[in-house]
N, C-alpha and C. Protein backbone atom coordinates (compact mmCIF):
# COMPACT_ATOMS: atom_id res chain seq x y z
N MET A 1 19.57 -26.22 -2.47
CA MET A 1 19.36 -25.49 -3.71
C MET A 1 19.58 -24.00 -3.45
N ARG A 2 20.38 -23.40 -4.27
CA ARG A 2 20.62 -21.95 -4.16
C ARG A 2 19.71 -21.22 -5.11
N ILE A 3 19.14 -20.13 -4.62
CA ILE A 3 18.28 -19.29 -5.45
C ILE A 3 19.15 -18.19 -6.04
N PRO A 4 19.11 -18.01 -7.36
CA PRO A 4 19.91 -16.93 -7.97
C PRO A 4 19.49 -15.58 -7.39
N PRO A 5 20.44 -14.68 -7.16
CA PRO A 5 20.12 -13.37 -6.56
C PRO A 5 19.04 -12.60 -7.30
N PHE A 6 19.04 -12.66 -8.63
CA PHE A 6 18.02 -11.93 -9.40
C PHE A 6 16.63 -12.48 -9.09
N LEU A 7 16.50 -13.80 -9.04
CA LEU A 7 15.20 -14.42 -8.75
C LEU A 7 14.75 -14.07 -7.33
N LEU A 8 15.67 -14.07 -6.41
CA LEU A 8 15.35 -13.69 -5.04
C LEU A 8 14.84 -12.25 -4.98
N LEU A 9 15.49 -11.35 -5.71
CA LEU A 9 15.06 -9.95 -5.75
C LEU A 9 13.65 -9.83 -6.33
N VAL A 10 13.36 -10.57 -7.39
CA VAL A 10 12.03 -10.54 -7.99
C VAL A 10 10.99 -11.05 -7.00
N LEU A 11 11.30 -12.11 -6.29
CA LEU A 11 10.36 -12.65 -5.31
C LEU A 11 10.11 -11.67 -4.18
N LEU A 12 11.16 -11.00 -3.71
CA LEU A 12 10.99 -10.03 -2.64
C LEU A 12 10.24 -8.79 -3.10
N ALA A 13 10.38 -8.43 -4.36
CA ALA A 13 9.67 -7.26 -4.89
C ALA A 13 8.16 -7.48 -4.88
N ALA A 14 7.74 -8.73 -4.93
CA ALA A 14 6.32 -9.05 -4.92
C ALA A 14 5.79 -9.24 -3.49
N CYS A 15 6.59 -8.94 -2.51
CA CYS A 15 6.22 -9.15 -1.11
C CYS A 15 5.08 -8.22 -0.71
N ASP A 16 4.17 -8.77 0.07
CA ASP A 16 3.00 -8.02 0.52
C ASP A 16 2.85 -8.22 2.03
N SER A 17 3.90 -7.95 2.75
CA SER A 17 3.88 -8.16 4.20
C SER A 17 3.44 -6.88 4.90
N PRO A 18 2.39 -6.97 5.73
CA PRO A 18 1.91 -5.79 6.43
C PRO A 18 2.80 -5.43 7.61
N ALA A 19 2.62 -4.21 8.10
CA ALA A 19 3.28 -3.78 9.32
C ALA A 19 2.73 -4.62 10.48
N PRO A 20 3.48 -4.75 11.56
CA PRO A 20 2.99 -5.54 12.70
C PRO A 20 1.60 -5.13 13.17
N ALA A 21 1.29 -3.86 13.15
CA ALA A 21 -0.03 -3.40 13.59
C ALA A 21 -1.16 -3.88 12.68
N MET A 22 -0.84 -4.26 11.45
CA MET A 22 -1.87 -4.70 10.50
C MET A 22 -1.88 -6.22 10.31
N MET A 23 -1.00 -6.93 10.97
CA MET A 23 -0.96 -8.39 10.81
C MET A 23 -2.28 -8.99 11.27
N GLY A 24 -2.75 -9.99 10.54
CA GLY A 24 -4.00 -10.63 10.85
C GLY A 24 -5.19 -9.95 10.20
N THR A 25 -4.96 -8.83 9.53
CA THR A 25 -6.02 -8.10 8.84
C THR A 25 -6.04 -8.55 7.38
N ASP A 26 -7.22 -8.87 6.87
CA ASP A 26 -7.33 -9.29 5.48
C ASP A 26 -7.05 -8.11 4.54
N ALA A 27 -6.40 -8.42 3.44
CA ALA A 27 -6.07 -7.40 2.45
C ALA A 27 -7.13 -7.35 1.37
N THR A 28 -7.32 -6.16 0.83
CA THR A 28 -8.17 -5.95 -0.34
C THR A 28 -7.26 -5.39 -1.43
N TRP A 29 -7.30 -6.01 -2.61
CA TRP A 29 -6.45 -5.55 -3.71
C TRP A 29 -7.26 -4.64 -4.61
N ILE A 30 -6.63 -3.54 -5.01
CA ILE A 30 -7.30 -2.55 -5.84
C ILE A 30 -6.26 -1.94 -6.78
N THR A 31 -6.69 -1.57 -7.97
CA THR A 31 -5.82 -0.91 -8.95
C THR A 31 -6.38 0.48 -9.22
N ILE A 32 -5.51 1.47 -9.08
CA ILE A 32 -5.86 2.86 -9.36
C ILE A 32 -4.87 3.37 -10.41
N ASP A 33 -5.37 3.74 -11.58
CA ASP A 33 -4.52 4.26 -12.67
C ASP A 33 -3.30 3.37 -12.91
N ALA A 34 -3.52 2.08 -13.05
CA ALA A 34 -2.48 1.08 -13.35
C ALA A 34 -1.50 0.85 -12.20
N VAL A 35 -1.76 1.38 -11.02
CA VAL A 35 -0.93 1.12 -9.84
C VAL A 35 -1.73 0.20 -8.93
N GLN A 36 -1.15 -0.95 -8.62
CA GLN A 36 -1.84 -1.95 -7.81
C GLN A 36 -1.46 -1.81 -6.34
N PHE A 37 -2.46 -1.89 -5.48
CA PHE A 37 -2.23 -1.78 -4.04
C PHE A 37 -2.89 -2.93 -3.31
N SER A 38 -2.30 -3.30 -2.21
CA SER A 38 -2.90 -4.17 -1.22
C SER A 38 -3.26 -3.25 -0.06
N ILE A 39 -4.54 -3.17 0.27
CA ILE A 39 -5.02 -2.24 1.30
C ILE A 39 -5.47 -3.03 2.52
N ARG A 40 -5.02 -2.60 3.68
CA ARG A 40 -5.48 -3.18 4.94
C ARG A 40 -6.05 -2.06 5.80
N ILE A 41 -7.18 -2.33 6.42
CA ILE A 41 -7.86 -1.36 7.29
C ILE A 41 -8.00 -2.00 8.67
N ARG A 42 -7.61 -1.27 9.68
CA ARG A 42 -7.85 -1.71 11.06
C ARG A 42 -8.27 -0.48 11.85
N GLY A 43 -9.53 -0.49 12.28
CA GLY A 43 -10.05 0.65 13.02
C GLY A 43 -10.02 1.90 12.16
N ASP A 44 -9.35 2.94 12.66
CA ASP A 44 -9.26 4.20 11.90
C ASP A 44 -7.89 4.37 11.26
N ARG A 45 -7.22 3.25 10.96
CA ARG A 45 -5.91 3.28 10.30
C ARG A 45 -5.96 2.49 9.01
N ALA A 46 -5.22 2.94 8.02
CA ALA A 46 -5.15 2.25 6.73
C ALA A 46 -3.69 2.10 6.31
N GLU A 47 -3.42 1.04 5.59
CA GLU A 47 -2.08 0.81 5.05
C GLU A 47 -2.23 0.39 3.59
N ALA A 48 -1.46 1.03 2.73
CA ALA A 48 -1.45 0.70 1.30
C ALA A 48 -0.05 0.23 0.92
N ILE A 49 0.03 -0.96 0.36
CA ILE A 49 1.30 -1.51 -0.12
C ILE A 49 1.21 -1.60 -1.63
N ARG A 50 2.11 -0.92 -2.31
CA ARG A 50 2.14 -0.99 -3.78
C ARG A 50 2.70 -2.35 -4.16
N THR A 51 1.97 -3.10 -5.00
CA THR A 51 2.37 -4.46 -5.30
C THR A 51 2.83 -4.68 -6.74
N ASN A 52 2.90 -3.63 -7.53
CA ASN A 52 3.40 -3.81 -8.89
C ASN A 52 4.66 -2.98 -9.09
N MET A 53 5.39 -3.34 -10.12
CA MET A 53 6.60 -2.61 -10.46
C MET A 53 6.21 -1.33 -11.19
N MET A 54 6.97 -0.27 -10.92
CA MET A 54 6.80 1.01 -11.62
C MET A 54 8.17 1.49 -12.04
N PRO A 55 8.32 1.93 -13.27
CA PRO A 55 9.61 2.50 -13.65
C PRO A 55 9.79 3.85 -12.96
N ASN A 56 10.83 3.96 -12.18
CA ASN A 56 11.18 5.20 -11.49
C ASN A 56 9.99 5.81 -10.73
N PRO A 57 9.45 5.08 -9.74
CA PRO A 57 8.29 5.61 -9.02
C PRO A 57 8.66 6.85 -8.20
N SER A 58 7.75 7.78 -8.13
CA SER A 58 7.97 8.98 -7.33
C SER A 58 6.83 9.12 -6.33
N ILE A 59 7.11 9.76 -5.22
CA ILE A 59 6.08 9.96 -4.21
C ILE A 59 4.91 10.76 -4.78
N GLY A 60 5.20 11.68 -5.69
CA GLY A 60 4.14 12.48 -6.31
C GLY A 60 3.22 11.66 -7.19
N ALA A 61 3.71 10.55 -7.73
CA ALA A 61 2.88 9.68 -8.56
C ALA A 61 2.11 8.68 -7.71
N VAL A 62 2.71 8.22 -6.63
CA VAL A 62 2.10 7.17 -5.81
C VAL A 62 1.14 7.75 -4.76
N TYR A 63 1.50 8.88 -4.15
CA TYR A 63 0.73 9.49 -3.05
C TYR A 63 -0.76 9.63 -3.37
N PRO A 64 -1.16 10.29 -4.46
CA PRO A 64 -2.60 10.47 -4.70
C PRO A 64 -3.31 9.16 -5.00
N ARG A 65 -2.63 8.23 -5.62
CA ARG A 65 -3.25 6.94 -5.94
C ARG A 65 -3.44 6.11 -4.67
N ALA A 66 -2.47 6.14 -3.78
CA ALA A 66 -2.60 5.42 -2.50
C ALA A 66 -3.74 6.01 -1.68
N LEU A 67 -3.83 7.33 -1.64
CA LEU A 67 -4.91 8.01 -0.93
C LEU A 67 -6.26 7.58 -1.49
N GLN A 68 -6.39 7.59 -2.80
CA GLN A 68 -7.65 7.21 -3.45
C GLN A 68 -7.98 5.75 -3.18
N ALA A 69 -6.97 4.88 -3.19
CA ALA A 69 -7.19 3.45 -2.93
C ALA A 69 -7.67 3.23 -1.49
N MET A 70 -7.05 3.91 -0.53
CA MET A 70 -7.45 3.78 0.87
C MET A 70 -8.89 4.24 1.06
N GLU A 71 -9.24 5.35 0.45
CA GLU A 71 -10.61 5.87 0.58
C GLU A 71 -11.62 4.93 -0.07
N ALA A 72 -11.28 4.38 -1.23
CA ALA A 72 -12.21 3.50 -1.94
C ALA A 72 -12.47 2.22 -1.13
N VAL A 73 -11.44 1.66 -0.54
CA VAL A 73 -11.60 0.41 0.20
C VAL A 73 -12.26 0.64 1.55
N SER A 74 -11.88 1.71 2.23
CA SER A 74 -12.39 1.94 3.59
C SER A 74 -13.77 2.60 3.60
N GLY A 75 -14.09 3.36 2.57
CA GLY A 75 -15.32 4.14 2.57
C GLY A 75 -15.22 5.37 3.45
N CYS A 76 -14.02 5.68 3.91
CA CYS A 76 -13.78 6.83 4.79
C CYS A 76 -12.86 7.82 4.09
N ARG A 77 -12.77 9.01 4.67
CA ARG A 77 -11.87 10.04 4.14
C ARG A 77 -10.51 9.88 4.80
N VAL A 78 -9.44 9.93 3.99
CA VAL A 78 -8.08 9.92 4.54
C VAL A 78 -7.76 11.31 5.06
N ILE A 79 -7.27 11.39 6.27
CA ILE A 79 -6.81 12.66 6.83
C ILE A 79 -5.45 12.92 6.18
N GLU A 80 -5.42 13.86 5.22
CA GLU A 80 -4.23 14.03 4.38
C GLU A 80 -2.95 14.30 5.16
N ASP A 81 -3.04 15.06 6.22
CA ASP A 81 -1.82 15.35 6.99
C ASP A 81 -1.26 14.11 7.66
N SER A 82 -2.05 13.04 7.72
CA SER A 82 -1.59 11.82 8.38
C SER A 82 -0.94 10.85 7.41
N LEU A 83 -1.07 11.07 6.11
CA LEU A 83 -0.51 10.17 5.11
C LEU A 83 1.01 10.25 5.14
N ARG A 84 1.65 9.11 5.37
CA ARG A 84 3.11 9.06 5.45
C ARG A 84 3.60 7.74 4.86
N GLY A 85 4.85 7.70 4.53
CA GLY A 85 5.44 6.48 3.99
C GLY A 85 6.36 6.78 2.83
N ASP A 86 6.51 5.82 1.97
CA ASP A 86 7.38 5.97 0.81
C ASP A 86 6.64 5.43 -0.41
N VAL A 87 7.35 5.19 -1.50
CA VAL A 87 6.68 4.78 -2.74
C VAL A 87 6.22 3.33 -2.70
N ALA A 88 6.59 2.58 -1.67
CA ALA A 88 6.17 1.19 -1.57
C ALA A 88 5.06 0.98 -0.54
N VAL A 89 5.18 1.63 0.62
CA VAL A 89 4.22 1.44 1.70
C VAL A 89 3.81 2.80 2.25
N MET A 90 2.50 3.02 2.32
CA MET A 90 1.97 4.26 2.89
C MET A 90 0.94 3.91 3.94
N ARG A 91 0.91 4.73 4.99
CA ARG A 91 -0.06 4.55 6.08
C ARG A 91 -0.77 5.88 6.31
N ALA A 92 -2.01 5.79 6.78
CA ALA A 92 -2.79 7.01 7.02
C ALA A 92 -3.84 6.75 8.09
N ASP A 93 -4.30 7.86 8.68
CA ASP A 93 -5.43 7.83 9.60
C ASP A 93 -6.68 8.14 8.79
N LEU A 94 -7.79 7.57 9.23
CA LEU A 94 -9.06 7.73 8.52
C LEU A 94 -10.05 8.53 9.35
N ASP A 95 -10.89 9.27 8.66
CA ASP A 95 -12.00 10.00 9.29
C ASP A 95 -13.29 9.35 8.77
N CYS A 96 -13.88 8.51 9.59
CA CYS A 96 -15.09 7.79 9.19
C CYS A 96 -16.35 8.43 9.76
N GLY A 97 -16.20 9.61 10.38
CA GLY A 97 -17.34 10.28 10.99
C GLY A 97 -18.10 11.00 9.98
């Protein structure tokens, strides 16, 4: 059975695969201002994967929401200079002290 390319693209867009360093870590799903994230925390590191479609997403729209989602799930402060990634996946270091 062949999967039509459009259907394959839709299925891949819903992908929630963590980075190798986060594999085996349970995800917590959270929505911040209509942007849905899958958040994984391991030690003092956090990863946010945007799981919904956004028309023309920009880093300026996703960055503050990802930061807020990571802080809400972890209970720690995100070290802002450590936040990196793109509009789909962002990673950051946490300050839990």
